[in-house]
Amino acid sequence: MMPINKVAIFLMAIGLEKGQNVIALMDTSEIKAVVSEIRGLKSITPEIQEKVWSEFTQLGYEEEMKPPEILTIMRFLFNGSKITEKYK
């Protein structure tokens, strides 16, 4: 699974409000990449969701994190850079 897929699944998993708050911090190219990926999601099995959730937890995600901290965790999947589709 590619990093952009994981970000899209994770944003769906954390809920609408928190996900929107994270997306609001992204630049235009990141938003386009992530929203495109979210739109392309078909069905997410519980196993895939658990795998993605586990990976983000290993990266340091905690429920009480603020949106800027969550975005930083997401960018770890992109070697600390902005989220892009080039990792597809």
PDB file of N, CA and C in Angstrom:
ATOM      1  N   MET A   1       0.843  -1.173   0.000  1.00  0.00           N
ATOM      2  CA  MET A   1       0.000   0.000   0.000  1.00  0.00           C
ATOM      3  C   MET A   1       0.891   1.240   0.000  1.00  0.00           C
ATOM      4  N   MET A   2       0.552   2.173  -0.834  1.00  0.00           N
ATOM      5  CA  MET A   2       1.354   3.387  -0.987  1.00  0.00           C
ATOM      6  C   MET A   2       1.044   4.392   0.133  1.00  0.00           C
ATOM      7  N   PRO A   3       1.998   5.278   0.443  1.00  0.00           N
ATOM      8  CA  PRO A   3       1.781   6.257   1.510  1.00  0.00           C
ATOM      9  C   PRO A   3       0.526   7.110   1.328  1.00  0.00           C
ATOM     10  N   ILE A   4       0.240   7.532   0.110  1.00  0.00           N
ATOM     11  CA  ILE A   4      -0.936   8.368  -0.125  1.00  0.00           C
ATOM     12  C   ILE A   4      -2.212   7.608   0.207  1.00  0.00           C
ATOM     13  N   ASN A   5      -2.234   6.286  -0.054  1.00  0.00           N
ATOM     14  CA  ASN A   5      -3.386   5.459   0.307  1.00  0.00           C
ATOM     15  C   ASN A   5      -3.564   5.431   1.822  1.00  0.00           C
ATOM     16  N   LYS A   6      -2.459   5.273   2.519  1.00  0.00           N
ATOM     17  CA  LYS A   6      -2.501   5.214   3.980  1.00  0.00           C
ATOM     18  C   LYS A   6      -3.006   6.516   4.573  1.00  0.00           C
ATOM     19  N   VAL A   7      -2.562   7.633   4.030  1.00  0.00           N
ATOM     20  CA  VAL A   7      -3.013   8.941   4.520  1.00  0.00           C
ATOM     21  C   VAL A   7      -4.518   9.079   4.316  1.00  0.00           C
ATOM     22  N   ALA A   8      -5.010   8.708   3.155  1.00  0.00           N
ATOM     23  CA  ALA A   8      -6.448   8.817   2.876  1.00  0.00           C
ATOM     24  C   ALA A   8      -7.253   7.945   3.835  1.00  0.00           C
ATOM     25  N   ILE A   9      -6.818   6.730   4.034  1.00  0.00           N
ATOM     26  CA  ILE A   9      -7.520   5.813   4.936  1.00  0.00           C
ATOM     27  C   ILE A   9      -7.469   6.341   6.363  1.00  0.00           C
ATOM     28  N   PHE A  10      -6.322   6.834   6.772  1.00  0.00           N
ATOM     29  CA  PHE A  10      -6.174   7.349   8.120  1.00  0.00           C
ATOM     30  C   PHE A  10      -7.076   8.561   8.349  1.00  0.00           C
ATOM     31  N   LEU A  11      -7.136   9.462   7.381  1.00  0.00           N
ATOM     32  CA  LEU A  11      -8.002  10.628   7.515  1.00  0.00           C
ATOM     33  C   LEU A  11      -9.462  10.216   7.659  1.00  0.00           C
ATOM     34  N   MET A  12      -9.860   9.190   6.961  1.00  0.00           N
ATOM     35  CA  MET A  12     -11.226   8.694   7.096  1.00  0.00           C
ATOM     36  C   MET A  12     -11.427   8.075   8.483  1.00  0.00           C
ATOM     37  N   ALA A  13     -10.412   7.416   8.981  1.00  0.00           N
ATOM     38  CA  ALA A  13     -10.520   6.720  10.269  1.00  0.00           C
ATOM     39  C   ALA A  13     -10.589   7.674  11.458  1.00  0.00           C
ATOM     40  N   ILE A  14      -9.945   8.825  11.364  1.00  0.00           N
ATOM     41  CA  ILE A  14      -9.925   9.725  12.517  1.00  0.00           C
ATOM     42  C   ILE A  14     -11.205  10.558  12.631  1.00  0.00           C
ATOM     43  N   GLY A  15     -12.045  10.495  11.628  1.00  0.00           N
ATOM     44  CA  GLY A  15     -13.318  11.191  11.703  1.00  0.00           C
ATOM     45  C   GLY A  15     -13.342  12.473  10.889  1.00  0.00           C
ATOM     46  N   LEU A  16     -14.535  12.873  10.554  1.00  0.00           N
ATOM     47  CA  LEU A  16     -14.745  13.999   9.656  1.00  0.00           C
ATOM     48  C   LEU A  16     -14.167  15.301  10.194  1.00  0.00           C
ATOM     49  N   GLU A  17     -14.506  15.655  11.419  1.00  0.00           N
ATOM     50  CA  GLU A  17     -14.067  16.940  11.955  1.00  0.00           C
ATOM     51  C   GLU A  17     -12.552  17.018  12.081  1.00  0.00           C
ATOM     52  N   LYS A  18     -11.963  16.003  12.682  1.00  0.00           N
ATOM     53  CA  LYS A  18     -10.506  16.013  12.869  1.00  0.00           C
ATOM     54  C   LYS A  18      -9.808  15.946  11.513  1.00  0.00           C
ATOM     55  N   GLY A  19     -10.329  15.121  10.594  1.00  0.00           N
ATOM     56  CA  GLY A  19      -9.748  15.007   9.262  1.00  0.00           C
ATOM     57  C   GLY A  19      -9.790  16.327   8.514  1.00  0.00           C
ATOM     58  N   GLN A  20     -10.921  17.030   8.599  1.00  0.00           N
ATOM     59  CA  GLN A  20     -11.045  18.322   7.927  1.00  0.00           C
ATOM     60  C   GLN A  20     -10.071  19.343   8.516  1.00  0.00           C
ATOM     61  N   ASN A  21      -9.883  19.293   9.823  1.00  0.00           N
ATOM     62  CA  ASN A  21      -8.951  20.223  10.463  1.00  0.00           C
ATOM     63  C   ASN A  21      -7.509  19.971  10.016  1.00  0.00           C
ATOM     64  N   VAL A  22      -7.170  18.723   9.774  1.00  0.00           N
ATOM     65  CA  VAL A  22      -5.828  18.395   9.284  1.00  0.00           C
ATOM     66  C   VAL A  22      -5.685  18.849   7.836  1.00  0.00           C
ATOM     67  N   ILE A  23      -6.665  18.534   7.019  1.00  0.00           N
ATOM     68  CA  ILE A  23      -6.621  18.917   5.603  1.00  0.00           C
ATOM     69  C   ILE A  23      -6.519  20.438   5.459  1.00  0.00           C
ATOM     70  N   ALA A  24      -7.161  21.180   6.332  1.00  0.00           N
ATOM     71  CA  ALA A  24      -7.124  22.641   6.274  1.00  0.00           C
ATOM     72  C   ALA A  24      -5.704  23.187   6.432  1.00  0.00           C
ATOM     73  N   LEU A  25      -4.810  22.416   7.007  1.00  0.00           N
ATOM     74  CA  LEU A  25      -3.424  22.844   7.207  1.00  0.00           C
ATOM     75  C   LEU A  25      -2.524  22.535   6.013  1.00  0.00           C
ATOM     76  N   MET A  26      -3.021  21.747   5.070  1.00  0.00           N
ATOM     77  CA  MET A  26      -2.223  21.337   3.913  1.00  0.00           C
ATOM     78  C   MET A  26      -2.208  22.435   2.859  1.00  0.00           C
ATOM     79  N   ASP A  27      -1.170  22.390   2.004  1.00  0.00           N
ATOM     80  CA  ASP A  27      -1.168  23.325   0.886  1.00  0.00           C
ATOM     81  C   ASP A  27      -2.025  22.742  -0.242  1.00  0.00           C
ATOM     82  N   THR A  28      -2.241  23.535  -1.264  1.00  0.00           N
ATOM     83  CA  THR A  28      -3.150  23.159  -2.343  1.00  0.00           C
ATOM     84  C   THR A  28      -2.781  21.838  -3.009  1.00  0.00           C
ATOM     85  N   SER A  29      -1.513  21.616  -3.277  1.00  0.00           N
ATOM     86  CA  SER A  29      -1.112  20.369  -3.950  1.00  0.00           C
ATOM     87  C   SER A  29      -1.355  19.162  -3.051  1.00  0.00           C
ATOM     88  N   GLU A  30      -1.125  19.324  -1.767  1.00  0.00           N
ATOM     89  CA  GLU A  30      -1.385  18.220  -0.833  1.00  0.00           C
ATOM     90  C   GLU A  30      -2.880  17.916  -0.771  1.00  0.00           C
ATOM     91  N   ILE A  31      -3.677  18.964  -0.702  1.00  0.00           N
ATOM     92  CA  ILE A  31      -5.133  18.778  -0.634  1.00  0.00           C
ATOM     93  C   ILE A  31      -5.625  18.045  -1.875  1.00  0.00           C
ATOM     94  N   LYS A  32      -5.156  18.470  -3.041  1.00  0.00           N
ATOM     95  CA  LYS A  32      -5.570  17.806  -4.287  1.00  0.00           C
ATOM     96  C   LYS A  32      -5.205  16.327  -4.274  1.00  0.00           C
ATOM     97  N   ALA A  33      -3.986  16.012  -3.853  1.00  0.00           N
ATOM     98  CA  ALA A  33      -3.533  14.617  -3.830  1.00  0.00           C
ATOM     99  C   ALA A  33      -4.361  13.783  -2.860  1.00  0.00           C
ATOM    100  N   VAL A  34      -4.591  14.318  -1.669  1.00  0.00           N
ATOM    101  CA  VAL A  34      -5.304  13.568  -0.640  1.00  0.00           C
ATOM    102  C   VAL A  34      -6.782  13.418  -0.979  1.00  0.00           C
ATOM    103  N   VAL A  35      -7.418  14.499  -1.403  1.00  0.00           N
ATOM    104  CA  VAL A  35      -8.846  14.436  -1.734  1.00  0.00           C
ATOM    105  C   VAL A  35      -9.075  13.498  -2.910  1.00  0.00           C
ATOM    106  N   SER A  36      -8.195  13.539  -3.890  1.00  0.00           N
ATOM    107  CA  SER A  36      -8.303  12.621  -5.019  1.00  0.00           C
ATOM    108  C   SER A  36      -8.228  11.171  -4.552  1.00  0.00           C
ATOM    109  N   GLU A  37      -7.326  10.914  -3.633  1.00  0.00           N
ATOM    110  CA  GLU A  37      -7.167   9.553  -3.117  1.00  0.00           C
ATOM    111  C   GLU A  37      -8.379   9.133  -2.291  1.00  0.00           C
ATOM    112  N   ILE A  38      -8.898  10.034  -1.484  1.00  0.00           N
ATOM    113  CA  ILE A  38     -10.087   9.716  -0.682  1.00  0.00           C
ATOM    114  C   ILE A  38     -11.265   9.394  -1.596  1.00  0.00           C
ATOM    115  N   ARG A  39     -11.424  10.180  -2.636  1.00  0.00           N
ATOM    116  CA  ARG A  39     -12.522   9.932  -3.592  1.00  0.00           C
ATOM    117  C   ARG A  39     -12.385   8.577  -4.269  1.00  0.00           C
ATOM    118  N   GLY A  40     -11.161   8.131  -4.452  1.00  0.00           N
ATOM    119  CA  GLY A  40     -10.919   6.862  -5.122  1.00  0.00           C
ATOM    120  C   GLY A  40     -11.044   5.635  -4.230  1.00  0.00           C
ATOM    121  N   LEU A  41     -11.205   5.851  -2.939  1.00  0.00           N
ATOM    122  CA  LEU A  41     -11.343   4.712  -2.030  1.00  0.00           C
ATOM    123  C   LEU A  41     -12.654   3.996  -2.306  1.00  0.00           C
ATOM    124  N   LYS A  42     -12.571   2.711  -2.437  1.00  0.00           N
ATOM    125  CA  LYS A  42     -13.777   1.915  -2.679  1.00  0.00           C
ATOM    126  C   LYS A  42     -14.332   1.436  -1.344  1.00  0.00           C
ATOM    127  N   SER A  43     -13.763   0.399  -0.829  1.00  0.00           N
ATOM    128  CA  SER A  43     -14.165  -0.096   0.483  1.00  0.00           C
ATOM    129  C   SER A  43     -12.903  -0.372   1.280  1.00  0.00           C
ATOM    130  N   ILE A  44     -12.995  -0.105   2.542  1.00  0.00           N
ATOM    131  CA  ILE A  44     -11.849  -0.301   3.426  1.00  0.00           C
ATOM    132  C   ILE A  44     -12.220  -1.405   4.396  1.00  0.00           C
ATOM    133  N   THR A  45     -11.544  -2.511   4.284  1.00  0.00           N
ATOM    134  CA  THR A  45     -11.828  -3.618   5.187  1.00  0.00           C
ATOM    135  C   THR A  45     -11.328  -3.273   6.586  1.00  0.00           C
ATOM    136  N   PRO A  46     -11.920  -3.874   7.591  1.00  0.00           N
ATOM    137  CA  PRO A  46     -11.434  -3.643   8.954  1.00  0.00           C
ATOM    138  C   PRO A  46      -9.958  -4.011   9.113  1.00  0.00           C
ATOM    139  N   GLU A  47      -9.510  -5.022   8.378  1.00  0.00           N
ATOM    140  CA  GLU A  47      -8.111  -5.435   8.457  1.00  0.00           C
ATOM    141  C   GLU A  47      -7.177  -4.349   7.930  1.00  0.00           C
ATOM    142  N   ILE A  48      -7.549  -3.749   6.819  1.00  0.00           N
ATOM    143  CA  ILE A  48      -6.728  -2.669   6.241  1.00  0.00           C
ATOM    144  C   ILE A  48      -6.742  -1.458   7.171  1.00  0.00           C
ATOM    145  N   GLN A  49      -7.917  -1.115   7.685  1.00  0.00           N
ATOM    146  CA  GLN A  49      -8.012   0.025   8.586  1.00  0.00           C
ATOM    147  C   GLN A  49      -7.149  -0.212   9.821  1.00  0.00           C
ATOM    148  N   GLU A  50      -7.185  -1.410  10.364  1.00  0.00           N
ATOM    149  CA  GLU A  50      -6.376  -1.731  11.550  1.00  0.00           C
ATOM    150  C   GLU A  50      -4.880  -1.664  11.232  1.00  0.00           C
ATOM    151  N   LYS A  51      -4.497  -2.136  10.065  1.00  0.00           N
ATOM    152  CA  LYS A  51      -3.088  -2.091   9.658  1.00  0.00           C
ATOM    153  C   LYS A  51      -2.603  -0.644   9.556  1.00  0.00           C
ATOM    154  N   VAL A  52      -3.399   0.204   8.918  1.00  0.00           N
ATOM    155  CA  VAL A  52      -3.038   1.618   8.759  1.00  0.00           C
ATOM    156  C   VAL A  52      -3.007   2.293  10.131  1.00  0.00           C
ATOM    157  N   TRP A  53      -4.021   2.046  10.958  1.00  0.00           N
ATOM    158  CA  TRP A  53      -4.081   2.628  12.293  1.00  0.00           C
ATOM    159  C   TRP A  53      -2.845   2.230  13.096  1.00  0.00           C
ATOM    160  N   SER A  54      -2.485   0.975  13.017  1.00  0.00           N
ATOM    161  CA  SER A  54      -1.311   0.471  13.737  1.00  0.00           C
ATOM    162  C   SER A  54      -0.037   1.171  13.274  1.00  0.00           C
ATOM    163  N   GLU A  55       0.101   1.363  11.980  1.00  0.00           N
ATOM    164  CA  GLU A  55       1.290   2.030  11.452  1.00  0.00           C
ATOM    165  C   GLU A  55       1.387   3.473  11.944  1.00  0.00           C
ATOM    166  N   PHE A  56       0.263   4.183  11.943  1.00  0.00           N
ATOM    167  CA  PHE A  56       0.283   5.565  12.421  1.00  0.00           C
ATOM    168  C   PHE A  56       0.570   5.627  13.921  1.00  0.00           C
ATOM    169  N   THR A  57       0.068   4.658  14.658  1.00  0.00           N
ATOM    170  CA  THR A  57       0.362   4.596  16.084  1.00  0.00           C
ATOM    171  C   THR A  57       1.855   4.366  16.303  1.00  0.00           C
ATOM    172  N   GLN A  58       2.452   3.506  15.496  1.00  0.00           N
ATOM    173  CA  GLN A  58       3.895   3.261  15.591  1.00  0.00           C
ATOM    174  C   GLN A  58       4.694   4.513  15.228  1.00  0.00           C
ATOM    175  N   LEU A  59       4.142   5.334  14.356  1.00  0.00           N
ATOM    176  CA  LEU A  59       4.806   6.588  13.973  1.00  0.00           C
ATOM    177  C   LEU A  59       4.677   7.660  15.060  1.00  0.00           C
ATOM    178  N   GLY A  60       3.816   7.395  16.051  1.00  0.00           N
ATOM    179  CA  GLY A  60       3.681   8.328  17.165  1.00  0.00           C
ATOM    180  C   GLY A  60       2.317   8.964  17.328  1.00  0.00           C
ATOM    181  N   TYR A  61       1.352   8.575  16.496  1.00  0.00           N
ATOM    182  CA  TYR A  61       0.019   9.167  16.603  1.00  0.00           C
ATOM    183  C   TYR A  61      -0.620   8.817  17.945  1.00  0.00           C
ATOM    184  N   GLU A  62      -1.235   9.843  18.551  1.00  0.00           N
ATOM    185  CA  GLU A  62      -2.017   9.668  19.772  1.00  0.00           C
ATOM    186  C   GLU A  62      -3.319  10.434  19.604  1.00  0.00           C
ATOM    187  N   GLU A  63      -4.391   9.909  20.167  1.00  0.00           N
ATOM    188  CA  GLU A  63      -5.736  10.486  20.019  1.00  0.00           C
ATOM    189  C   GLU A  63      -5.806  11.973  20.355  1.00  0.00           C
ATOM    190  N   GLU A  64      -5.058  12.409  21.358  1.00  0.00           N
ATOM    191  CA  GLU A  64      -5.162  13.795  21.818  1.00  0.00           C
ATOM    192  C   GLU A  64      -4.327  14.782  21.004  1.00  0.00           C
ATOM    193  N   MET A  65      -3.663  14.318  19.972  1.00  0.00           N
ATOM    194  CA  MET A  65      -2.831  15.208  19.159  1.00  0.00           C
ATOM    195  C   MET A  65      -3.673  16.272  18.467  1.00  0.00           C
ATOM    196  N   LYS A  66      -3.064  17.410  18.291  1.00  0.00           N
ATOM    197  CA  LYS A  66      -3.687  18.525  17.576  1.00  0.00           C
ATOM    198  C   LYS A  66      -3.419  18.349  16.075  1.00  0.00           C
ATOM    199  N   PRO A  67      -4.249  18.968  15.212  1.00  0.00           N
ATOM    200  CA  PRO A  67      -4.085  18.807  13.762  1.00  0.00           C
ATOM    201  C   PRO A  67      -2.660  19.035  13.236  1.00  0.00           C
ATOM    202  N   PRO A  68      -1.921  20.068  13.679  1.00  0.00           N
ATOM    203  CA  PRO A  68      -0.559  20.221  13.149  1.00  0.00           C
ATOM    204  C   PRO A  68       0.343  19.031  13.478  1.00  0.00           C
ATOM    205  N   GLU A  69       0.141  18.455  14.638  1.00  0.00           N
ATOM    206  CA  GLU A  69       0.935  17.279  15.027  1.00  0.00           C
ATOM    207  C   GLU A  69       0.561  16.065  14.188  1.00  0.00           C
ATOM    208  N   ILE A  70      -0.720  15.926  13.906  1.00  0.00           N
ATOM    209  CA  ILE A  70      -1.183  14.815  13.069  1.00  0.00           C
ATOM    210  C   ILE A  70      -0.610  14.941  11.665  1.00  0.00           C
ATOM    211  N   LEU A  71      -0.602  16.148  11.119  1.00  0.00           N
ATOM    212  CA  LEU A  71      -0.041  16.368   9.783  1.00  0.00           C
ATOM    213  C   LEU A  71       1.441  16.005   9.765  1.00  0.00           C
ATOM    214  N   THR A  72       2.153  16.337  10.811  1.00  0.00           N
ATOM    215  CA  THR A  72       3.568  15.972  10.897  1.00  0.00           C
ATOM    216  C   THR A  72       3.739  14.464  10.854  1.00  0.00           C
ATOM    217  N   ILE A  73       2.909  13.743  11.596  1.00  0.00           N
ATOM    218  CA  ILE A  73       2.965  12.275  11.594  1.00  0.00           C
ATOM    219  C   ILE A  73       2.708  11.750  10.185  1.00  0.00           C
ATOM    220  N   MET A  74       1.718  12.311   9.499  1.00  0.00           N
ATOM    221  CA  MET A  74       1.412  11.880   8.133  1.00  0.00           C
ATOM    222  C   MET A  74       2.598  12.105   7.205  1.00  0.00           C
ATOM    223  N   ARG A  75       3.268  13.213   7.369  1.00  0.00           N
ATOM    224  CA  ARG A  75       4.406  13.532   6.499  1.00  0.00           C
ATOM    225  C   ARG A  75       5.597  12.612   6.750  1.00  0.00           C
ATOM    226  N   PHE A  76       5.631  11.948   7.879  1.00  0.00           N
ATOM    227  CA  PHE A  76       6.691  10.959   8.120  1.00  0.00           C
ATOM    228  C   PHE A  76       6.673   9.891   7.028  1.00  0.00           C
ATOM    229  N   LEU A  77       5.484   9.572   6.508  1.00  0.00           N
ATOM    230  CA  LEU A  77       5.370   8.582   5.434  1.00  0.00           C
ATOM    231  C   LEU A  77       6.005   9.070   4.134  1.00  0.00           C
ATOM    232  N   PHE A  78       6.216  10.374   4.041  1.00  0.00           N
ATOM    233  CA  PHE A  78       6.797  10.992   2.850  1.00  0.00           C
ATOM    234  C   PHE A  78       8.179  11.560   3.171  1.00  0.00           C
ATOM    235  N   ASN A  79       8.854  10.904   4.088  1.00  0.00           N
ATOM    236  CA  ASN A  79      10.200  11.311   4.507  1.00  0.00           C
ATOM    237  C   ASN A  79      10.249  12.745   5.025  1.00  0.00           C
ATOM    238  N   GLY A  80       9.164  13.156   5.701  1.00  0.00           N
ATOM    239  CA  GLY A  80       9.112  14.490   6.292  1.00  0.00           C
ATOM    240  C   GLY A  80       8.749  15.586   5.315  1.00  0.00           C
ATOM    241  N   SER A  81       8.533  15.223   4.055  1.00  0.00           N
ATOM    242  CA  SER A  81       8.190  16.217   3.033  1.00  0.00           C
ATOM    243  C   SER A  81       6.679  16.368   2.927  1.00  0.00           C
ATOM    244  N   LYS A  82       6.272  17.267   2.063  1.00  0.00           N
ATOM    245  CA  LYS A  82       4.846  17.436   1.813  1.00  0.00           C
ATOM    246  C   LYS A  82       4.276  16.174   1.181  1.00  0.00           C
ATOM    247  N   ILE A  83       2.989  15.995   1.386  1.00  0.00           N
ATOM    248  CA  ILE A  83       2.280  14.834   0.853  1.00  0.00           C
ATOM    249  C   ILE A  83       2.087  15.018  -0.642  1.00  0.00           C
ATOM    250  N   THR A  84       2.533  14.046  -1.412  1.00  0.00           N
ATOM    251  CA  THR A  84       2.405  14.142  -2.862  1.00  0.00           C
ATOM    252  C   THR A  84       1.969  12.812  -3.463  1.00  0.00           C
ATOM    253  N   GLU A  85       1.563  12.890  -4.706  1.00  0.00           N
ATOM    254  CA  GLU A  85       1.154  11.679  -5.416  1.00  0.00           C
ATOM    255  C   GLU A  85       2.356  10.954  -6.018  1.00  0.00           C
ATOM    256  N   LYS A  86       3.534  11.538  -5.963  1.00  0.00           N
ATOM    257  CA  LYS A  86       4.698  10.909  -6.600  1.00  0.00           C
ATOM    258  C   LYS A  86       5.055   9.574  -5.960  1.00  0.00           C
ATOM    259  N   TYR A  87       4.496   9.311  -4.785  1.00  0.00           N
ATOM    260  CA  TYR A  87       4.773   8.053  -4.109  1.00  0.00           C
ATOM    261  C   TYR A  87       3.807   6.962  -4.515  1.00  0.00           C
ATOM    262  N   LYS A  88       2.974   7.224  -5.518  1.00  0.00           N
ATOM    263  CA  LYS A  88       2.016   6.206  -5.998  1.00  0.00           C
ATOM    264  C   LYS A  88       2.737   5.140  -6.756  1.00  0.00           C
TER     265      LYS A  88
END
